[in-house]
Amino acid sequence: MDEQFILRVPPSVAERLDRLLSENASSSEDKSLDLEFSEDGRTGMFVIGNDRFPASLLDLPCVVESYKTYDDSALVKTADVGQMILVRESGEASPDVVEYRHGLTPPMRDARKRRFRREPDLNVPINLLLLFFFLKKKKLCVITFFLKKKGNYL
């Protein structure tokens, strides 16, 4: 399978990319396209022509499958896309999180909060202690209920 990602750009950059990738690209003043990342691998610059735009690599909240077709009837899966490169205008603030909060479409807005379970608490000793007390309490309740039904009381 191929390696793929989503490239999300502002509308002004999208117009320039469309002109660059169109058939008459020789008439476009934007003849170069580059994407360079810093040492951390999450931040970088998107270069089109002589303009530089800040970019960030973000993880999507869920995996998106990518398909292509050769004959307009049969689809072939090409990749699982799990990351997105978000290109911003020069004045916009960079995201301070690694995972993008929303999905790619409006129904996936705030997907992590609405569609997935909460992450478990990794504080194991306290959770085991609470589970022990919970089970002990339930067992005592079951024993008391059983004894009351039989007519025996403690």
Protein backbone atom coordinates (compact mmCIF):
# COMPACT_ATOMS: atom_id res chain seq x y z
CA MET A 1 0.00 0.00 0.00
CA ASP A 2 1.04 3.59 -0.57
CA GLU A 3 1.91 6.13 2.09
CA GLN A 4 -0.60 8.98 2.06
CA PHE A 5 -1.60 11.98 4.15
CA ILE A 6 -4.18 14.76 4.03
CA LEU A 7 -2.92 18.23 3.06
CA ARG A 8 -5.27 20.91 4.44
CA VAL A 9 -4.45 24.40 3.17
CA PRO A 10 -6.09 27.86 3.38
CA PRO A 11 -8.25 28.92 0.38
CA SER A 12 -5.60 31.31 -0.99
CA VAL A 13 -3.00 28.54 -1.05
CA ALA A 14 -5.53 26.12 -2.56
CA GLU A 15 -6.03 28.41 -5.57
CA ARG A 16 -2.28 28.62 -6.12
CA LEU A 17 -1.91 24.83 -5.82
CA ASP A 18 -4.71 24.34 -8.32
CA ARG A 19 -2.98 26.62 -10.79
CA LEU A 20 0.35 24.85 -10.23
CA LEU A 21 -1.10 21.37 -10.71
CA SER A 22 -3.30 22.25 -13.68
CA GLU A 23 -2.34 21.45 -17.24
CA ASN A 24 -1.07 24.97 -18.03
CA ALA A 25 1.40 25.05 -15.13
CA SER A 26 4.07 26.57 -17.33
CA SER A 27 2.19 29.88 -17.30
CA SER A 28 2.01 29.96 -13.49
CA GLU A 29 4.43 32.10 -11.50
CA ASP A 30 4.46 29.48 -8.70
CA LYS A 31 6.74 26.85 -10.22
CA SER A 32 8.19 25.39 -7.03
CA LEU A 33 6.54 23.42 -4.28
CA ASP A 34 8.31 22.17 -1.16
CA LEU A 35 7.53 20.84 2.30
CA GLU A 36 10.27 20.86 4.92
CA PHE A 37 10.06 19.78 8.56
CA SER A 38 12.13 20.72 11.60
CA GLU A 39 13.94 18.27 13.89
CA ASP A 40 10.85 17.44 15.97
CA GLY A 41 9.05 16.11 12.88
CA ARG A 42 5.78 17.85 13.78
CA THR A 43 6.34 21.46 12.66
CA GLY A 44 7.66 22.77 9.40
CA MET A 45 7.25 25.09 6.45
CA PHE A 46 5.20 24.71 3.28
CA VAL A 47 6.85 26.60 0.41
CA ILE A 48 5.01 27.53 -2.79
CA GLY A 49 6.83 29.88 -5.13
CA ASN A 50 8.60 32.45 -2.93
CA ASP A 51 6.04 32.32 -0.11
CA ARG A 52 6.49 30.28 3.06
CA PHE A 53 3.58 29.09 5.21
CA PRO A 54 3.84 27.40 8.63
CA ALA A 55 2.70 23.76 8.71
CA SER A 56 2.01 21.19 11.42
CA LEU A 57 1.72 17.41 11.25
CA LEU A 58 -1.33 16.29 13.26
CA ASP A 59 -2.77 12.86 14.01
CA LEU A 60 -6.38 12.31 12.99
CA PRO A 61 -8.79 11.01 15.66
CA CYS A 62 -9.55 7.93 13.53
CA VAL A 63 -8.14 6.20 10.48
CA VAL A 64 -9.53 7.16 7.06
CA GLU A 65 -9.38 4.67 4.20
CA SER A 66 -8.29 5.85 0.76
CA TYR A 67 -9.51 4.21 -2.47
CA LYS A 68 -8.87 4.60 -6.20
CA THR A 69 -10.49 3.18 -9.30
CA TYR A 70 -9.28 2.27 -12.76
CA ASP A 71 -12.61 1.61 -14.47
CA ASP A 72 -15.13 3.74 -12.50
CA SER A 73 -16.82 0.65 -11.07
CA ALA A 74 -14.33 -1.30 -8.93
CA LEU A 75 -12.60 0.40 -6.02
CA VAL A 76 -9.15 -0.60 -4.78
CA LYS A 77 -8.00 0.35 -1.29
CA THR A 78 -4.71 2.21 -1.49
CA ALA A 79 -3.92 3.28 2.08
CA ASP A 80 -5.03 3.95 5.62
CA VAL A 81 -4.59 7.67 6.28
CA GLY A 82 -3.95 8.58 9.90
CA GLN A 83 -2.19 11.96 9.69
CA MET A 84 -2.86 15.39 8.27
CA ILE A 85 -0.54 18.27 7.40
CA LEU A 86 -2.26 21.51 8.40
CA VAL A 87 -0.93 24.56 6.54
CA ARG A 88 -1.76 27.92 8.13
CA GLU A 89 -1.49 31.56 7.16
CA SER A 90 1.59 33.30 8.53
CA GLY A 91 -0.25 35.14 11.34
CA GLU A 92 -2.23 32.19 12.73
CA ALA A 93 -1.19 30.45 15.94
CA SER A 94 0.19 26.93 15.78
CA PRO A 95 -1.81 24.12 17.39
CA ASP A 96 -0.43 23.07 20.77
CA VAL A 97 -1.70 19.48 20.55
CA VAL A 98 -0.48 16.52 18.53
CA GLU A 99 -3.92 15.10 17.74
CA TYR A 100 -6.44 16.99 15.62
CA ARG A 101 -9.68 17.27 17.58
CA HIS A 102 -12.10 16.92 14.68
CA GLY A 103 -12.36 14.50 11.80
CA LEU A 104 -12.39 15.44 8.13
CA THR A 105 -16.16 15.80 7.70
CA PRO A 106 -18.84 17.65 9.71
CA PRO A 107 -20.32 14.46 11.28
CA MET A 108 -16.91 13.74 12.81
CA ARG A 109 -16.77 17.07 14.65
CA ASP A 110 -15.25 16.52 18.10
CA ALA A 111 -15.00 12.82 17.25
CA ARG A 112 -12.74 11.75 20.08
CA LYS A 113 -15.12 13.08 22.72
CA ARG A 114 -18.38 11.90 21.12
CA ARG A 115 -17.55 8.54 19.58
CA PHE A 116 -14.84 6.84 21.62
CA ARG A 117 -14.57 5.62 25.19
CA ARG A 118 -12.64 7.64 27.70
CA GLU A 119 -9.03 6.69 28.16
CA PRO A 120 -8.54 4.55 31.26
CA ASP A 121 -6.85 5.98 34.31
CA LEU A 122 -3.34 4.57 34.51
CA ASN A 123 -3.10 4.95 38.28
CA VAL A 124 -3.37 1.17 38.80
CA PRO A 125 -2.92 0.75 42.59
CA ILE A 126 -5.80 3.10 43.42
CA ASN A 127 -8.04 1.52 40.78
CA LEU A 128 -7.32 -1.99 42.09
CA LEU A 129 -8.03 -0.89 45.64
CA LEU A 130 -11.35 0.66 44.59
CA LEU A 131 -12.23 -2.47 42.60
CA PHE A 132 -11.44 -4.66 45.63
CA PHE A 133 -13.70 -2.59 47.89
CA PHE A 134 -16.43 -2.55 45.22
CA LEU A 135 -16.34 -6.33 44.81
CA LYS A 136 -16.19 -6.85 48.56
CA LYS A 137 -19.22 -4.60 48.99
CA LYS A 138 -21.15 -6.43 46.23
CA LYS A 139 -20.27 -9.83 47.71
CA LEU A 140 -21.50 -8.77 51.12
CA CYS A 141 -24.72 -7.49 49.57
CA VAL A 142 -25.24 -10.76 47.69
CA ILE A 143 -24.56 -12.83 50.83
CA THR A 144 -26.93 -10.67 52.89
CA PHE A 145 -29.62 -10.92 50.20
CA PHE A 146 -29.18 -14.71 50.00
CA LEU A 147 -29.39 -15.15 53.76
CA LYS A 148 -32.49 -12.96 54.02
CA LYS A 149 -34.23 -15.01 51.34
CA LYS A 150 -33.50 -18.27 53.17
CA GLY A 151 -34.78 -16.85 56.43
CA ASN A 152 -31.41 -16.79 58.10
CA TYR A 153 -30.18 -13.50 59.46
CA LEU A 154 -26.77 -12.69 60.74
